[in-house]
Amino acid sequence: MEKTEILPFSNGSQFLSWESKNCGKCPKYENESTKREDARCKYSYDLEFSAGSGSIPISTLDYFGFTKNNNLADCPFLHCNKSKNYIQYIYDKIKLEKEREERKKSEPELDF
């Protein structure tokens, strides 16, 4: 995955403002994943990870309509084609929950 050192936000406040307007209203949003492939929304994972790493996939910038003046458009999931995306989201959510249950079953219990 090709990455760039361009940061989409100039500071944490700008990121939090954008995130609350977009990710904060999204049913796909969660910030518990520690791996991109486990995240319900790969794009929000990339944005949060970029805040610490300084590197973001170009495909994520393209998804959000990153412009030359370093602005991100609103999230397309919230504003376009919601029903198709929502059906996919429900499917992905159910799949993720089943995978988490399977992992819990396979992990040994720790007694303290």
Protein backbone atom coordinates (compact mmCIF):
# COMPACT_ATOMS: atom_id res chain seq x y z
CA MET A 1 0.00 0.00 0.00
CA GLU A 2 1.52 3.28 -1.11
CA LYS A 3 1.77 5.83 1.68
CA THR A 4 2.61 9.50 1.87
CA GLU A 5 4.07 11.71 4.57
CA ILE A 6 1.37 14.33 3.98
CA LEU A 7 -0.78 14.90 7.04
CA PRO A 8 -4.42 15.72 6.32
CA PHE A 9 -4.80 17.86 9.48
CA SER A 10 -2.61 20.67 10.72
CA ASN A 11 -3.21 19.85 14.41
CA GLY A 12 -5.15 17.65 16.79
CA SER A 13 -7.99 20.14 17.18
CA GLN A 14 -8.61 20.21 13.44
CA PHE A 15 -8.63 16.40 13.38
CA LEU A 16 -11.04 16.14 16.33
CA SER A 17 -13.39 18.66 14.74
CA TRP A 18 -13.48 16.75 11.45
CA GLU A 19 -13.76 13.41 13.23
CA SER A 20 -16.71 14.49 15.39
CA LYS A 21 -18.56 15.76 12.29
CA ASN A 22 -17.91 12.56 10.33
CA CYS A 23 -16.69 9.48 12.23
CA GLY A 24 -18.58 10.53 15.36
CA LYS A 25 -21.87 10.21 13.50
CA CYS A 26 -21.03 7.01 11.67
CA PRO A 27 -22.37 3.58 12.69
CA LYS A 28 -19.18 1.97 11.35
CA TYR A 29 -16.88 3.94 13.64
CA GLU A 30 -14.93 2.22 16.40
CA ASN A 31 -11.45 2.88 17.68
CA GLU A 32 -10.64 -0.38 19.42
CA SER A 33 -8.91 -2.12 16.53
CA THR A 34 -5.16 -2.50 16.70
CA LYS A 35 -4.84 -3.73 13.11
CA ARG A 36 -6.20 -2.17 9.94
CA GLU A 37 -7.71 -5.45 8.77
CA ASP A 38 -9.75 -5.70 12.00
CA ALA A 39 -11.14 -2.16 11.80
CA ARG A 40 -14.77 -1.74 10.79
CA CYS A 41 -13.77 1.40 8.88
CA LYS A 42 -10.31 1.17 7.37
CA TYR A 43 -10.34 4.86 6.53
CA SER A 44 -10.97 6.10 10.07
CA TYR A 45 -8.27 3.69 11.26
CA ASP A 46 -5.84 5.21 8.75
CA LEU A 47 -6.68 8.75 9.84
CA GLU A 48 -6.20 7.97 13.52
CA PHE A 49 -3.01 6.04 12.87
CA SER A 50 -1.63 8.88 10.75
CA ALA A 51 -1.87 11.25 13.71
CA GLY A 52 0.86 9.25 15.43
CA SER A 53 2.84 7.89 12.51
CA GLY A 54 2.81 10.82 10.10
CA SER A 55 2.06 8.44 7.24
CA ILE A 56 -1.26 7.80 5.53
CA PRO A 57 -2.25 5.62 2.55
CA ILE A 58 -2.84 7.62 -0.61
CA SER A 59 -6.03 5.61 -1.20
CA THR A 60 -7.42 7.01 2.07
CA LEU A 61 -6.64 10.56 1.03
CA ASP A 62 -8.36 9.87 -2.30
CA TYR A 63 -11.42 8.39 -0.56
CA PHE A 64 -11.91 11.55 1.47
CA GLY A 65 -11.20 13.88 -1.44
CA PHE A 66 -7.96 15.32 -0.09
CA THR A 67 -7.27 18.54 -1.98
CA LYS A 68 -4.12 20.44 -2.79
CA ASN A 69 -4.92 22.94 -0.04
CA ASN A 70 -4.84 20.05 2.45
CA ASN A 71 -8.54 19.79 3.20
CA LEU A 72 -10.57 16.62 3.55
CA ALA A 73 -14.13 16.55 2.29
CA ASP A 74 -16.84 15.01 4.44
CA CYS A 75 -16.90 11.24 4.58
CA PRO A 76 -18.60 9.77 1.49
CA PHE A 77 -20.14 6.97 3.56
CA LEU A 78 -22.28 9.46 5.46
CA HIS A 79 -23.30 11.49 2.44
CA CYS A 80 -23.53 9.13 -0.56
CA ASN A 81 -25.02 5.74 -1.21
CA LYS A 82 -25.86 5.11 2.46
CA SER A 83 -28.12 2.13 1.99
CA LYS A 84 -25.64 0.03 0.00
CA ASN A 85 -22.82 0.92 2.37
CA TYR A 86 -24.99 0.30 5.42
CA ILE A 87 -25.87 -3.21 4.25
CA GLN A 88 -22.16 -3.93 3.81
CA TYR A 89 -21.50 -2.41 7.25
CA ILE A 90 -24.05 -4.71 8.92
CA TYR A 91 -22.55 -7.72 7.17
CA ASP A 92 -19.02 -6.69 8.22
CA LYS A 93 -20.15 -6.00 11.80
CA ILE A 94 -21.71 -9.44 12.18
CA LYS A 95 -18.61 -11.07 10.69
CA LEU A 96 -16.31 -9.11 13.03
CA GLU A 97 -18.38 -10.01 16.09
CA LYS A 98 -18.25 -13.70 15.18
CA GLU A 99 -14.48 -13.51 14.71
CA ARG A 100 -14.07 -11.82 18.11
CA GLU A 101 -16.20 -14.49 19.77
CA GLU A 102 -14.09 -17.21 18.17
CA ARG A 103 -10.88 -15.53 19.38
CA LYS A 104 -12.27 -15.28 22.92
CA LYS A 105 -13.13 -18.98 22.88
CA SER A 106 -9.63 -19.90 21.79
CA GLU A 107 -7.81 -17.68 24.31
CA PRO A 108 -7.03 -19.21 27.69
CA GLU A 109 -8.67 -17.67 30.72
CA LEU A 110 -6.31 -15.99 33.14
CA ASP A 111 -6.89 -16.30 36.86
CA PHE A 112 -5.64 -13.47 39.03
